[in-house]
Amino acid sequence: MLADILVFKKIRQELGGRLRLTISGGASLNENIGKFFSKIGILILEGYGLTETSPVISVNREDDFKFGTVGKIISDVEIKIADNKEILVKGPSVFKGYFKDKNKTKECFNKEGYIYTGDLGFVDKQGFLTIIGRLKEMIITSGGKNVWPERVENLLNNDRFISQSMLIGNNRKFISVLIVPDWQEVEIYFKKNNLLLQERDKLIKSPVFLEIFQKRISEKINPELHEFEKVKKFKILPQEFSQEQEELTATLKLRRHIIEKHCSKIIDSIYV
């Protein structure tokens, strides 16, 4: 394979030359990234667990994996999906409780002895578990519709022009999104189409630039969503969400309340 000789082999060499597979956890793995590394000969097996579950609940196996999921449940561990889609876990690897904190311990288990993970997900027909978000991050629109932001954000972030995104809409009439462009892809597109590439602060106000994202959302993202999930409006941000600004955790998860605070004026302008 020519691509392997010219490109893939060089990438493998940069990673030591002997790396065949690795485990991913802590934050969700972009499905496209997983597929890319698989093509170059490095398999990334995504798993899921909590400190309180010691820690593995599910994991993809080398001979039984599915990108976009966190694998199948490990032996001796049971899970249930609650009516609100929260993942509940029971098994010998689940901890007994928090040290000298009976009240907090009682709060984290249901009557059947399952621990509340706080994560939302589902198990498909093949037995693979998919995480769709955090319960505390669930958006409830003013119309009473539940929207799991991570699922929509993953769709957005898989677009070639989008690097980061954060859904907005809790107690609002409709869903909107803050978008951080993939500036490298934007530059390639503008040069290829002989378009004027301005400074970021100016570019994000350009009708030509905004039309690119409007078209991507309306033609590629929204058709994949239920009516109440569809992105009605968006705002482009010139700078990435960062750990330095405390907008991302150590595992690169969004600190939504911090981002909302930093972008409060922008968000208010969406819902005028």
Protein backbone atom coordinates (compact mmCIF):
# COMPACT_ATOMS: atom_id res chain seq x y z
CA MET A 1 0.00 0.00 0.00
CA LEU A 2 1.57 3.25 -1.16
CA ALA A 3 0.00 5.35 1.61
CA ASP A 4 1.53 3.03 4.22
CA ILE A 5 4.99 3.36 2.74
CA LEU A 6 4.88 7.13 2.22
CA VAL A 7 2.88 8.28 5.28
CA PHE A 8 1.61 5.70 7.77
CA LYS A 9 4.97 4.02 8.37
CA LYS A 10 6.54 7.38 9.18
CA ILE A 11 3.82 8.14 11.75
CA ARG A 12 4.35 4.74 13.40
CA GLN A 13 8.10 5.39 13.51
CA GLU A 14 7.52 8.74 15.24
CA LEU A 15 5.59 6.81 17.90
CA GLY A 16 8.45 4.38 18.47
CA GLY A 17 7.86 1.95 15.64
CA ARG A 18 6.48 -0.85 17.83
CA LEU A 19 3.21 0.64 19.08
CA ARG A 20 0.38 -1.69 18.08
CA LEU A 21 -2.48 -0.78 20.41
CA THR A 22 -3.29 1.50 23.32
CA ILE A 23 -6.14 2.17 25.75
CA SER A 24 -8.11 5.43 25.85
CA GLY A 25 -10.13 6.69 28.80
CA GLY A 26 -10.89 9.79 30.85
CA ALA A 27 -12.47 11.72 27.99
CA SER A 28 -14.39 10.57 24.93
CA LEU A 29 -12.35 9.57 21.90
CA ASN A 30 -13.36 11.18 18.63
CA GLU A 31 -14.62 8.34 16.43
CA ASN A 32 -12.81 9.66 13.37
CA ILE A 33 -9.50 9.77 15.26
CA GLY A 34 -9.98 6.15 16.32
CA LYS A 35 -10.67 5.09 12.75
CA PHE A 36 -7.67 7.04 11.43
CA PHE A 37 -5.21 5.39 13.81
CA SER A 38 -6.71 2.00 13.03
CA LYS A 39 -5.99 2.60 9.33
CA ILE A 40 -2.34 3.35 10.02
CA GLY A 41 -1.99 0.20 12.10
CA ILE A 42 -2.47 1.44 15.66
CA LEU A 43 -5.63 0.29 17.44
CA ILE A 44 -7.02 2.57 20.17
CA LEU A 45 -9.35 0.68 22.50
CA GLU A 46 -11.68 3.02 24.37
CA GLY A 47 -12.95 2.07 27.80
CA TYR A 48 -15.08 3.56 30.57
CA GLY A 49 -15.17 3.53 34.35
CA LEU A 50 -15.14 5.52 37.58
CA THR A 51 -12.73 5.67 40.48
CA GLU A 52 -15.60 4.26 42.56
CA THR A 53 -15.84 1.21 40.28
CA SER A 54 -12.14 0.31 40.59
CA PRO A 55 -12.28 1.57 37.81
CA VAL A 56 -13.26 -0.34 34.66
CA ILE A 57 -16.93 -0.86 33.75
CA SER A 58 -16.59 -1.55 30.05
CA VAL A 59 -13.86 -1.67 27.42
CA ASN A 60 -13.34 -2.49 23.78
CA ARG A 61 -11.29 -5.62 23.13
CA GLU A 62 -8.64 -6.16 20.49
CA ASP A 63 -10.80 -8.79 18.80
CA ASP A 64 -14.17 -7.22 19.60
CA PHE A 65 -14.40 -3.45 19.27
CA LYS A 66 -16.67 -0.77 17.88
CA PHE A 67 -15.57 2.83 17.33
CA GLY A 68 -17.77 5.43 18.98
CA THR A 69 -18.51 3.14 21.94
CA VAL A 70 -16.72 2.32 25.20
CA GLY A 71 -16.95 -1.40 24.57
CA LYS A 72 -18.76 -4.26 26.27
CA ILE A 73 -19.32 -4.64 29.99
CA ILE A 74 -16.57 -6.59 31.78
CA SER A 75 -17.33 -9.89 33.54
CA ASP A 76 -18.99 -9.83 36.99
CA VAL A 77 -20.20 -6.26 36.49
CA GLU A 78 -23.89 -5.49 35.94
CA ILE A 79 -25.34 -2.31 34.51
CA LYS A 80 -28.84 -0.93 34.18
CA ILE A 81 -30.00 2.01 32.10
CA ALA A 82 -32.47 4.08 34.15
CA ASP A 83 -35.54 5.73 32.65
CA ASN A 84 -33.61 9.01 32.41
CA LYS A 85 -30.79 7.12 30.59
CA GLU A 86 -28.39 7.25 33.56
CA ILE A 87 -25.98 4.32 33.75
CA LEU A 88 -26.29 2.36 37.00
CA VAL A 89 -23.56 -0.13 37.99
CA LYS A 90 -23.33 -3.05 40.41
CA GLY A 91 -20.59 -5.61 41.06
CA PRO A 92 -17.67 -6.71 43.26
CA SER A 93 -15.43 -3.96 41.84
CA VAL A 94 -17.79 -1.21 43.03
CA PHE A 95 -16.60 0.46 46.22
CA LYS A 96 -18.41 0.13 49.55
CA GLY A 97 -18.67 3.85 50.20
CA TYR A 98 -16.92 7.09 51.03
CA PHE A 99 -14.63 7.04 54.08
CA LYS A 100 -16.53 8.18 57.19
CA ASP A 101 -19.26 9.80 55.09
CA LYS A 102 -22.44 7.78 55.45
CA ASN A 103 -24.71 10.45 53.98
CA LYS A 104 -22.73 10.81 50.76
CA THR A 105 -22.44 7.02 50.50
CA LYS A 106 -26.21 6.63 50.85
CA GLU A 107 -26.82 9.23 48.14
CA CYS A 108 -24.73 7.44 45.52
CA PHE A 109 -26.51 4.04 45.67
CA ASN A 110 -30.11 3.10 44.84
CA LYS A 111 -32.18 0.61 46.84
CA GLU A 112 -30.94 -2.31 44.72
CA GLY A 113 -27.32 -1.52 45.43
CA TYR A 114 -26.51 0.03 42.05
CA ILE A 115 -24.24 3.07 42.04
CA TYR A 116 -25.38 6.20 40.20
CA THR A 117 -22.63 7.06 37.72
CA GLY A 118 -24.03 10.42 36.67
CA ASP A 119 -23.31 9.42 33.08
CA LEU A 120 -25.95 8.88 30.40
CA GLY A 121 -25.80 6.14 27.82
CA PHE A 122 -27.31 3.12 26.10
CA VAL A 123 -26.36 -0.44 25.21
CA ASP A 124 -26.85 -1.46 21.58
CA LYS A 125 -27.99 -4.86 20.27
CA GLN A 126 -24.40 -6.08 20.09
CA GLY A 127 -23.80 -5.25 23.75
CA PHE A 128 -21.61 -2.18 23.23
CA LEU A 129 -22.07 0.71 25.65
CA THR A 130 -22.22 4.27 24.28
CA ILE A 131 -21.86 7.34 26.50
CA ILE A 132 -24.04 10.26 25.43
CA GLY A 133 -23.28 12.77 28.18
CA ARG A 134 -23.46 13.73 31.84
CA LEU A 135 -26.76 13.91 33.70
CA LYS A 136 -25.84 17.25 35.31
CA GLU A 137 -25.04 18.69 31.87
CA MET A 138 -28.34 17.72 30.28
CA ILE A 139 -30.13 20.65 28.67
CA ILE A 140 -33.85 21.06 29.35
CA THR A 141 -35.42 23.55 26.97
CA SER A 142 -38.20 25.91 28.06
CA GLY A 143 -40.54 23.54 26.21
CA GLY A 144 -39.50 20.68 28.50
CA LYS A 145 -37.43 18.75 25.93
CA ASN A 146 -34.28 16.93 27.10
CA VAL A 147 -31.18 17.43 24.96
CA TRP A 148 -27.88 15.64 25.63
CA PRO A 149 -25.29 18.18 24.48
CA GLU A 150 -22.33 15.81 24.06
CA ARG A 151 -24.09 13.84 21.33
CA VAL A 152 -24.78 16.98 19.28
CA GLU A 153 -21.33 18.40 20.02
CA ASN A 154 -19.69 15.21 18.77
CA LEU A 155 -21.56 15.59 15.48
CA LEU A 156 -20.40 19.20 15.22
CA ASN A 157 -16.80 18.46 16.16
CA ASN A 158 -16.58 15.75 13.50
CA ASP A 159 -17.04 18.45 10.86
CA ARG A 160 -13.80 19.41 9.13
CA PHE A 161 -14.30 23.13 9.86
CA ILE A 162 -15.10 22.78 13.57
CA SER A 163 -12.52 22.27 16.31
CA GLN A 164 -14.67 22.80 19.43
CA SER A 165 -18.31 23.47 20.18
CA MET A 166 -20.61 23.97 23.15
CA LEU A 167 -24.37 23.71 23.06
CA ILE A 168 -26.55 26.33 24.73
CA GLY A 169 -30.27 26.11 25.45
CA ASN A 170 -31.06 25.29 29.06
CA ASN A 171 -34.41 26.96 29.89
CA ARG A 172 -34.30 28.57 26.44
CA LYS A 173 -36.76 28.32 23.56
CA PHE A 174 -34.27 26.79 21.15
CA ILE A 175 -30.81 25.26 20.89
CA SER A 176 -27.82 27.33 19.85
CA VAL A 177 -24.10 26.65 19.80
CA LEU A 178 -20.76 28.36 20.35
CA ILE A 179 -18.26 27.26 17.70
CA VAL A 180 -14.49 27.40 17.60
CA PRO A 181 -13.38 26.86 14.00
CA ASP A 182 -10.56 24.62 12.88
CA TRP A 183 -8.52 27.57 11.65
CA GLN A 184 -6.11 25.41 9.68
CA GLU A 185 -8.97 23.97 7.62
CA VAL A 186 -10.47 27.44 7.21
CA GLU A 187 -7.18 28.76 5.86
CA ILE A 188 -6.87 25.88 3.39
CA TYR A 189 -10.45 26.43 2.17
CA PHE A 190 -10.05 30.18 1.75
CA LYS A 191 -6.78 29.87 -0.17
CA LYS A 192 -8.16 27.12 -2.39
CA ASN A 193 -11.20 29.26 -3.27
CA ASN A 194 -9.27 32.54 -3.63
CA LEU A 195 -11.17 34.18 -0.76
CA LEU A 196 -9.86 37.04 1.34
CA LEU A 197 -8.36 35.65 4.55
CA GLN A 198 -8.69 38.35 7.21
CA GLU A 199 -7.75 38.45 10.88
CA ARG A 200 -9.91 36.18 13.00
CA ASP A 201 -11.81 38.96 14.76
CA LYS A 202 -12.86 40.34 11.38
CA LEU A 203 -13.36 37.01 9.68
CA ILE A 204 -15.94 35.75 12.19
CA LYS A 205 -18.19 38.66 11.14
CA SER A 206 -17.77 38.05 7.42
CA PRO A 207 -21.00 36.91 5.64
CA VAL A 208 -18.99 34.57 3.41
CA PHE A 209 -17.36 32.96 6.44
CA LEU A 210 -20.62 32.64 8.38
CA GLU A 211 -22.36 31.12 5.37
CA ILE A 212 -19.87 28.23 5.40
CA PHE A 213 -20.93 27.25 8.92
CA GLN A 214 -24.62 27.91 8.33
CA LYS A 215 -24.53 25.55 5.37
CA ARG A 216 -22.62 22.84 7.26
CA ILE A 217 -25.07 22.97 10.16
CA SER A 218 -28.25 23.01 8.04
CA GLU A 219 -27.12 20.35 5.55
CA LYS A 220 -24.93 18.02 7.59
CA ILE A 221 -25.71 18.40 11.30
CA ASN A 222 -29.40 19.23 11.70
CA PRO A 223 -30.67 16.38 9.46
CA GLU A 224 -29.15 13.97 12.02
CA LEU A 225 -31.09 15.52 14.90
CA HIS A 226 -34.63 15.53 16.27
CA GLU A 227 -36.52 18.76 15.71
CA PHE A 228 -36.05 19.94 19.31
CA GLU A 229 -32.28 19.23 19.09
CA LYS A 230 -31.64 21.17 15.90
CA VAL A 231 -29.23 24.10 16.11
CA LYS A 232 -31.19 27.26 15.31
CA LYS A 233 -28.43 29.84 15.80
CA PHE A 234 -24.68 29.89 16.34
CA LYS A 235 -21.84 32.22 17.22
CA ILE A 236 -18.23 31.84 16.13
CA LEU A 237 -15.44 32.38 18.67
CA PRO A 238 -11.97 33.50 17.57
CA GLN A 239 -10.08 31.68 20.34
CA GLU A 240 -10.16 28.07 21.55
CA PHE A 241 -11.52 26.99 24.91
CA SER A 242 -8.43 26.43 27.07
CA GLN A 243 -7.19 25.04 30.36
CA GLU A 244 -5.36 28.32 31.01
CA GLN A 245 -8.74 30.09 31.08
CA GLU A 246 -10.13 27.23 33.23
CA GLU A 247 -12.59 26.41 30.43
CA LEU A 248 -11.34 22.82 30.08
CA THR A 249 -10.61 20.15 32.66
CA ALA A 250 -7.32 18.22 32.74
CA THR A 251 -9.01 15.62 30.50
CA LEU A 252 -10.16 18.37 28.11
CA LYS A 253 -13.83 18.23 29.08
CA LEU A 254 -15.80 21.46 28.83
CA ARG A 255 -16.31 23.45 32.02
CA ARG A 256 -19.66 24.69 30.82
CA HIS A 257 -20.45 27.11 33.62
CA ILE A 258 -17.06 28.83 33.16
CA ILE A 259 -17.51 29.11 29.39
CA GLU A 260 -21.05 30.44 29.84
CA LYS A 261 -19.72 33.08 32.24
CA HIS A 262 -16.91 34.11 29.88
CA CYS A 263 -19.29 34.24 26.89
CA SER A 264 -22.36 35.60 28.67
CA LYS A 265 -22.71 38.68 26.43
CA ILE A 266 -22.36 36.59 23.28
CA ILE A 267 -24.96 34.10 24.53
CA ASP A 268 -27.37 36.89 25.49
CA SER A 269 -27.08 38.32 21.97
CA ILE A 270 -28.27 35.01 20.53
CA TYR A 271 -31.51 35.09 22.49
CA VAL A 272 -32.42 38.76 22.06
